[in-house]
Amino acid sequence: MAGEPSFDLDAAGLRADGVDLASGVEVLAVKLEGALPQECRVERRRRSLLDRRQVVRAIEVRLGTNRYALRLEHGAVTATREQEVRGVVIKREPLDLASWVQGLAEELREQAATSARARAALERLVG
């Protein structure tokens, strides 16, 4: 879809070089939760025992038969795309952060071509 706004790493606030990665993942989580409330699950944990603030530990987005999973542990991000059929993962591929975000955005664009709900979610995500 030519001329359509893109959802990229800058839009998500993420930097592959690790500069303030935790806050970038938080921005991404908030954007995905707002745009895809039924498809997105975000796992948060407390920063420490005495700190009430929570940080994102994992993001999972289900689009069709694909599940995009992102985990933040000890300052490093692990990203995967899994193909799932009837609850069984038949294919799992590790991705770098840029490929994960790009794959998620592309799949959402494909769904937006045929679904008004997906189109609205994409607009919320990139808007």
N, C-alpha and C. Protein backbone atom coordinates (compact mmCIF):
# COMPACT_ATOMS: atom_id res chain seq x y z
N MET A 1 0.84 -1.17 0.00
CA MET A 1 0.00 0.00 0.00
C MET A 1 0.88 1.24 0.00
N ALA A 2 1.05 1.82 -1.14
CA ALA A 2 1.93 2.96 -1.28
C ALA A 2 1.38 4.16 -0.53
N GLY A 3 2.28 4.95 0.04
CA GLY A 3 1.88 6.16 0.73
C GLY A 3 1.35 5.94 2.13
N GLU A 4 1.26 4.72 2.55
CA GLU A 4 0.75 4.43 3.89
C GLU A 4 1.83 4.67 4.93
N PRO A 5 1.45 5.24 6.08
CA PRO A 5 2.46 5.46 7.11
C PRO A 5 3.06 4.14 7.57
N SER A 6 4.32 4.20 7.97
CA SER A 6 4.98 2.97 8.39
C SER A 6 5.19 2.95 9.89
N PHE A 7 5.13 1.79 10.44
CA PHE A 7 5.40 1.57 11.85
C PHE A 7 6.78 0.97 11.91
N ASP A 8 7.75 1.73 12.37
CA ASP A 8 9.11 1.25 12.37
C ASP A 8 9.72 1.40 13.76
N LEU A 9 11.00 1.13 13.87
CA LEU A 9 11.66 1.19 15.17
C LEU A 9 11.64 2.59 15.76
N ASP A 10 11.76 3.61 14.93
CA ASP A 10 11.71 4.97 15.45
C ASP A 10 10.34 5.28 16.02
N ALA A 11 9.29 4.83 15.34
CA ALA A 11 7.94 5.07 15.82
C ALA A 11 7.72 4.38 17.15
N ALA A 12 8.30 3.22 17.32
CA ALA A 12 8.14 2.48 18.56
C ALA A 12 9.07 2.99 19.65
N GLY A 13 10.03 3.81 19.29
CA GLY A 13 10.97 4.33 20.28
C GLY A 13 12.07 3.35 20.61
N LEU A 14 12.24 2.33 19.80
CA LEU A 14 13.26 1.32 20.08
C LEU A 14 14.54 1.62 19.34
N ARG A 15 15.63 1.28 19.95
CA ARG A 15 16.93 1.43 19.33
C ARG A 15 17.66 0.11 19.43
N ALA A 16 18.12 -0.40 18.33
CA ALA A 16 18.81 -1.68 18.30
C ALA A 16 20.13 -1.63 19.06
N ASP A 17 20.70 -0.43 19.24
CA ASP A 17 21.99 -0.34 19.92
C ASP A 17 21.85 -0.41 21.44
N GLY A 18 20.63 -0.56 21.94
CA GLY A 18 20.42 -0.77 23.37
C GLY A 18 20.29 0.51 24.18
N VAL A 19 20.31 1.67 23.53
CA VAL A 19 20.17 2.93 24.25
C VAL A 19 18.75 3.02 24.77
N ASP A 20 18.63 2.96 26.08
CA ASP A 20 17.34 3.04 26.77
C ASP A 20 16.33 2.04 26.21
N LEU A 21 16.75 0.82 26.07
CA LEU A 21 15.94 -0.25 25.48
C LEU A 21 14.66 -0.50 26.28
N ALA A 22 14.76 -0.48 27.61
CA ALA A 22 13.59 -0.76 28.45
C ALA A 22 12.47 0.24 28.20
N SER A 23 12.80 1.51 28.09
CA SER A 23 11.75 2.49 27.86
C SER A 23 11.20 2.36 26.44
N GLY A 24 12.03 1.97 25.48
CA GLY A 24 11.55 1.73 24.13
C GLY A 24 10.58 0.57 24.07
N VAL A 25 10.87 -0.50 24.81
CA VAL A 25 9.96 -1.65 24.86
C VAL A 25 8.66 -1.24 25.54
N GLU A 26 8.74 -0.39 26.55
CA GLU A 26 7.53 0.10 27.22
C GLU A 26 6.65 0.88 26.25
N VAL A 27 7.26 1.75 25.45
CA VAL A 27 6.52 2.52 24.45
C VAL A 27 5.85 1.58 23.46
N LEU A 28 6.58 0.59 22.99
CA LEU A 28 6.04 -0.38 22.06
C LEU A 28 4.86 -1.13 22.68
N ALA A 29 5.00 -1.55 23.93
CA ALA A 29 3.94 -2.28 24.61
C ALA A 29 2.67 -1.44 24.72
N VAL A 30 2.82 -0.19 25.09
CA VAL A 30 1.66 0.69 25.22
C VAL A 30 0.98 0.89 23.87
N LYS A 31 1.78 1.09 22.81
CA LYS A 31 1.22 1.26 21.47
C LYS A 31 0.45 0.01 21.04
N LEU A 32 1.06 -1.16 21.25
CA LEU A 32 0.41 -2.40 20.83
C LEU A 32 -0.84 -2.69 21.65
N GLU A 33 -0.78 -2.45 22.96
CA GLU A 33 -1.97 -2.66 23.80
C GLU A 33 -3.11 -1.76 23.36
N GLY A 34 -2.81 -0.52 23.00
CA GLY A 34 -3.84 0.40 22.56
C GLY A 34 -4.40 0.06 21.20
N ALA A 35 -3.54 -0.38 20.29
CA ALA A 35 -3.95 -0.67 18.92
C ALA A 35 -4.59 -2.05 18.78
N LEU A 36 -4.09 -3.02 19.54
CA LEU A 36 -4.54 -4.42 19.40
C LEU A 36 -4.91 -5.00 20.76
N PRO A 37 -5.94 -4.46 21.42
CA PRO A 37 -6.23 -4.91 22.78
C PRO A 37 -6.59 -6.40 22.91
N GLN A 38 -7.19 -6.97 21.88
CA GLN A 38 -7.57 -8.38 21.96
C GLN A 38 -6.46 -9.32 21.54
N GLU A 39 -5.55 -8.83 20.70
CA GLU A 39 -4.49 -9.68 20.17
C GLU A 39 -3.19 -9.57 20.95
N CYS A 40 -3.07 -8.55 21.79
CA CYS A 40 -1.80 -8.28 22.47
C CYS A 40 -1.90 -8.61 23.97
N ARG A 41 -0.85 -9.25 24.46
CA ARG A 41 -0.73 -9.54 25.89
C ARG A 41 0.65 -9.04 26.33
N VAL A 42 0.65 -8.23 27.37
CA VAL A 42 1.91 -7.69 27.88
C VAL A 42 2.09 -8.19 29.31
N GLU A 43 3.26 -8.72 29.57
CA GLU A 43 3.60 -9.20 30.91
C GLU A 43 4.54 -8.17 31.54
N ARG A 44 4.16 -7.72 32.73
CA ARG A 44 4.98 -6.75 33.45
C ARG A 44 5.40 -7.33 34.80
N ARG A 45 6.50 -6.79 35.33
CA ARG A 45 6.95 -7.21 36.66
C ARG A 45 7.46 -5.98 37.40
N ARG A 46 7.53 -6.09 38.68
CA ARG A 46 8.04 -4.99 39.49
C ARG A 46 9.53 -4.83 39.25
N ARG A 47 9.99 -3.60 39.31
CA ARG A 47 11.41 -3.33 39.12
C ARG A 47 12.24 -3.97 40.22
N SER A 48 11.75 -3.88 41.44
CA SER A 48 12.44 -4.49 42.57
C SER A 48 11.40 -4.75 43.66
N LEU A 49 11.83 -5.41 44.69
CA LEU A 49 10.93 -5.79 45.77
C LEU A 49 10.25 -4.58 46.40
N LEU A 50 10.97 -3.49 46.57
CA LEU A 50 10.43 -2.31 47.24
C LEU A 50 9.91 -1.24 46.28
N ASP A 51 10.09 -1.44 45.00
CA ASP A 51 9.67 -0.47 44.00
C ASP A 51 8.33 -0.91 43.40
N ARG A 52 7.34 -0.05 43.47
CA ARG A 52 6.03 -0.41 42.95
C ARG A 52 5.92 -0.26 41.43
N ARG A 53 6.84 0.48 40.84
CA ARG A 53 6.79 0.65 39.39
C ARG A 53 7.04 -0.69 38.69
N GLN A 54 6.36 -0.85 37.58
CA GLN A 54 6.51 -2.09 36.82
C GLN A 54 7.15 -1.81 35.47
N VAL A 55 7.86 -2.81 34.98
CA VAL A 55 8.49 -2.72 33.67
C VAL A 55 8.01 -3.91 32.82
N VAL A 56 8.06 -3.71 31.52
CA VAL A 56 7.64 -4.76 30.59
C VAL A 56 8.67 -5.88 30.61
N ARG A 57 8.17 -7.07 30.74
CA ARG A 57 9.03 -8.26 30.68
C ARG A 57 8.86 -8.98 29.35
N ALA A 58 7.61 -9.00 28.84
CA ALA A 58 7.33 -9.72 27.60
C ALA A 58 6.12 -9.11 26.89
N ILE A 59 6.15 -9.20 25.57
CA ILE A 59 5.03 -8.79 24.73
C ILE A 59 4.71 -9.96 23.81
N GLU A 60 3.43 -10.25 23.66
CA GLU A 60 3.01 -11.31 22.75
C GLU A 60 1.83 -10.79 21.93
N VAL A 61 1.94 -10.90 20.62
CA VAL A 61 0.87 -10.46 19.72
C VAL A 61 0.49 -11.63 18.84
N ARG A 62 -0.79 -11.95 18.80
CA ARG A 62 -1.30 -13.03 17.96
C ARG A 62 -2.06 -12.44 16.79
N LEU A 63 -1.58 -12.74 15.59
CA LEU A 63 -2.23 -12.31 14.36
C LEU A 63 -2.42 -13.53 13.48
N GLY A 64 -3.64 -13.95 13.33
CA GLY A 64 -3.93 -15.15 12.55
C GLY A 64 -3.25 -16.35 13.18
N THR A 65 -2.45 -17.07 12.39
CA THR A 65 -1.76 -18.24 12.92
C THR A 65 -0.37 -17.91 13.45
N ASN A 66 0.02 -16.65 13.37
CA ASN A 66 1.35 -16.25 13.85
C ASN A 66 1.28 -15.60 15.23
N ARG A 67 2.30 -15.90 16.00
CA ARG A 67 2.44 -15.29 17.32
C ARG A 67 3.82 -14.63 17.37
N TYR A 68 3.81 -13.34 17.61
CA TYR A 68 5.05 -12.56 17.73
C TYR A 68 5.33 -12.38 19.21
N ALA A 69 6.50 -12.84 19.65
CA ALA A 69 6.86 -12.76 21.06
C ALA A 69 8.16 -11.99 21.22
N LEU A 70 8.17 -11.09 22.20
CA LEU A 70 9.33 -10.28 22.50
C LEU A 70 9.56 -10.36 24.01
N ARG A 71 10.78 -10.69 24.41
CA ARG A 71 11.13 -10.79 25.83
C ARG A 71 12.31 -9.88 26.12
N LEU A 72 12.22 -9.17 27.23
CA LEU A 72 13.30 -8.31 27.69
C LEU A 72 13.81 -8.87 29.00
N GLU A 73 15.06 -9.33 28.98
CA GLU A 73 15.67 -9.90 30.17
C GLU A 73 17.10 -9.41 30.28
N HIS A 74 17.44 -8.86 31.44
CA HIS A 74 18.80 -8.40 31.73
C HIS A 74 19.33 -7.45 30.67
N GLY A 75 18.46 -6.57 30.18
CA GLY A 75 18.88 -5.57 29.22
C GLY A 75 19.02 -6.05 27.79
N ALA A 76 18.60 -7.27 27.50
CA ALA A 76 18.68 -7.81 26.14
C ALA A 76 17.29 -8.23 25.67
N VAL A 77 17.05 -8.05 24.38
CA VAL A 77 15.76 -8.40 23.80
C VAL A 77 15.89 -9.69 22.99
N THR A 78 14.93 -10.57 23.17
CA THR A 78 14.82 -11.79 22.37
C THR A 78 13.48 -11.71 21.64
N ALA A 79 13.51 -11.86 20.32
CA ALA A 79 12.29 -11.76 19.52
C ALA A 79 12.12 -13.02 18.69
N THR A 80 10.88 -13.52 18.65
CA THR A 80 10.58 -14.70 17.84
C THR A 80 9.23 -14.53 17.15
N ARG A 81 9.08 -15.27 16.05
CA ARG A 81 7.78 -15.41 15.39
C ARG A 81 7.49 -16.90 15.34
N GLU A 82 6.32 -17.26 15.80
CA GLU A 82 5.94 -18.67 15.82
C GLU A 82 4.67 -18.85 15.01
N GLN A 83 4.63 -19.93 14.25
CA GLN A 83 3.40 -20.29 13.55
C GLN A 83 2.72 -21.37 14.36
N GLU A 84 1.46 -21.14 14.63
CA GLU A 84 0.72 -22.03 15.53
C GLU A 84 -0.54 -22.54 14.82
N VAL A 85 -0.75 -23.84 14.94
CA VAL A 85 -1.95 -24.46 14.38
C VAL A 85 -2.63 -25.25 15.48
N ARG A 86 -3.86 -24.88 15.78
CA ARG A 86 -4.65 -25.54 16.83
C ARG A 86 -3.88 -25.69 18.14
N GLY A 87 -3.20 -24.61 18.53
CA GLY A 87 -2.49 -24.59 19.80
C GLY A 87 -1.11 -25.23 19.81
N VAL A 88 -0.66 -25.74 18.66
CA VAL A 88 0.64 -26.39 18.57
C VAL A 88 1.56 -25.54 17.69
N VAL A 89 2.73 -25.20 18.22
CA VAL A 89 3.70 -24.43 17.45
C VAL A 89 4.37 -25.36 16.45
N ILE A 90 4.20 -25.05 15.16
CA ILE A 90 4.81 -25.90 14.13
C ILE A 90 6.07 -25.28 13.54
N LYS A 91 6.28 -23.99 13.80
CA LYS A 91 7.49 -23.33 13.30
C LYS A 91 7.83 -22.18 14.24
N ARG A 92 9.09 -22.10 14.61
CA ARG A 92 9.57 -21.02 15.47
C ARG A 92 10.84 -20.46 14.86
N GLU A 93 10.85 -19.14 14.66
CA GLU A 93 12.05 -18.53 14.09
C GLU A 93 12.46 -17.32 14.92
N PRO A 94 13.73 -17.31 15.32
CA PRO A 94 14.24 -16.13 16.03
C PRO A 94 14.44 -14.99 15.04
N LEU A 95 14.16 -13.78 15.49
CA LEU A 95 14.30 -12.60 14.64
C LEU A 95 15.08 -11.53 15.39
N ASP A 96 15.74 -10.67 14.61
CA ASP A 96 16.31 -9.50 15.26
C ASP A 96 15.17 -8.51 15.47
N LEU A 97 15.41 -7.49 16.26
CA LEU A 97 14.37 -6.55 16.65
C LEU A 97 13.72 -5.87 15.45
N ALA A 98 14.53 -5.42 14.50
CA ALA A 98 13.99 -4.74 13.32
C ALA A 98 13.10 -5.67 12.50
N SER A 99 13.50 -6.91 12.32
CA SER A 99 12.71 -7.87 11.55
C SER A 99 11.41 -8.21 12.26
N TRP A 100 11.46 -8.26 13.59
CA TRP A 100 10.26 -8.56 14.38
C TRP A 100 9.22 -7.46 14.17
N VAL A 101 9.64 -6.21 14.33
CA VAL A 101 8.72 -5.09 14.18
C VAL A 101 8.22 -5.02 12.74
N GLN A 102 9.11 -5.20 11.77
CA GLN A 102 8.72 -5.16 10.36
C GLN A 102 7.73 -6.28 10.03
N GLY A 103 7.99 -7.49 10.50
CA GLY A 103 7.09 -8.61 10.23
C GLY A 103 5.71 -8.39 10.83
N LEU A 104 5.68 -7.87 12.04
CA LEU A 104 4.41 -7.57 12.71
C LEU A 104 3.63 -6.52 11.93
N ALA A 105 4.31 -5.46 11.51
CA ALA A 105 3.65 -4.39 10.76
C ALA A 105 3.15 -4.89 9.40
N GLU A 106 3.96 -5.69 8.72
CA GLU A 106 3.55 -6.21 7.41
C GLU A 106 2.33 -7.11 7.52
N GLU A 107 2.32 -7.96 8.53
CA GLU A 107 1.18 -8.85 8.70
C GLU A 107 -0.08 -8.07 9.05
N LEU A 108 0.06 -7.04 9.85
CA LEU A 108 -1.07 -6.20 10.19
C LEU A 108 -1.58 -5.46 8.95
N ARG A 109 -0.67 -4.99 8.09
CA ARG A 109 -1.08 -4.34 6.84
C ARG A 109 -1.85 -5.31 5.94
N GLU A 110 -1.38 -6.56 5.86
CA GLU A 110 -2.07 -7.56 5.05
C GLU A 110 -3.49 -7.78 5.56
N GLN A 111 -3.64 -7.88 6.87
CA GLN A 111 -4.97 -8.06 7.44
C GLN A 111 -5.83 -6.82 7.24
N ALA A 112 -5.21 -5.64 7.28
CA ALA A 112 -5.93 -4.39 7.11
C ALA A 112 -6.56 -4.27 5.73
N ALA A 113 -5.97 -4.95 4.75
CA ALA A 113 -6.49 -4.90 3.39
C ALA A 113 -7.87 -5.55 3.30
N THR A 114 -8.17 -6.47 4.21
CA THR A 114 -9.45 -7.19 4.15
C THR A 114 -10.33 -7.00 5.38
N SER A 115 -9.83 -6.33 6.41
CA SER A 115 -10.59 -6.22 7.65
C SER A 115 -10.62 -4.77 8.15
N ALA A 116 -11.81 -4.26 8.35
CA ALA A 116 -11.95 -2.89 8.87
C ALA A 116 -11.38 -2.79 10.27
N ARG A 117 -11.53 -3.82 11.07
CA ARG A 117 -11.01 -3.82 12.45
C ARG A 117 -9.48 -3.76 12.44
N ALA A 118 -8.86 -4.55 11.56
CA ALA A 118 -7.40 -4.53 11.45
C ALA A 118 -6.92 -3.20 10.89
N ARG A 119 -7.68 -2.61 9.98
CA ARG A 119 -7.32 -1.31 9.41
C ARG A 119 -7.34 -0.23 10.50
N ALA A 120 -8.35 -0.28 11.36
CA ALA A 120 -8.44 0.69 12.46
C ALA A 120 -7.29 0.49 13.45
N ALA A 121 -6.94 -0.76 13.69
CA ALA A 121 -5.82 -1.05 14.61
C ALA A 121 -4.51 -0.53 14.03
N LEU A 122 -4.30 -0.71 12.74
CA LEU A 122 -3.08 -0.21 12.10
C LEU A 122 -3.02 1.32 12.18
N GLU A 123 -4.15 1.97 11.97
CA GLU A 123 -4.19 3.43 12.06
C GLU A 123 -3.85 3.90 13.48
N ARG A 124 -4.35 3.20 14.50
CA ARG A 124 -4.03 3.55 15.89
C ARG A 124 -2.55 3.32 16.16
N LEU A 125 -2.00 2.29 15.57
CA LEU A 125 -0.60 1.94 15.81
C LEU A 125 0.36 2.93 15.20
N VAL A 126 0.09 3.38 13.99
CA VAL A 126 1.01 4.30 13.33
C VAL A 126 0.63 5.75 13.53
N GLY A 127 -0.55 6.00 14.02
CA GLY A 127 -1.02 7.38 14.18
C GLY A 127 -0.55 8.07 15.41
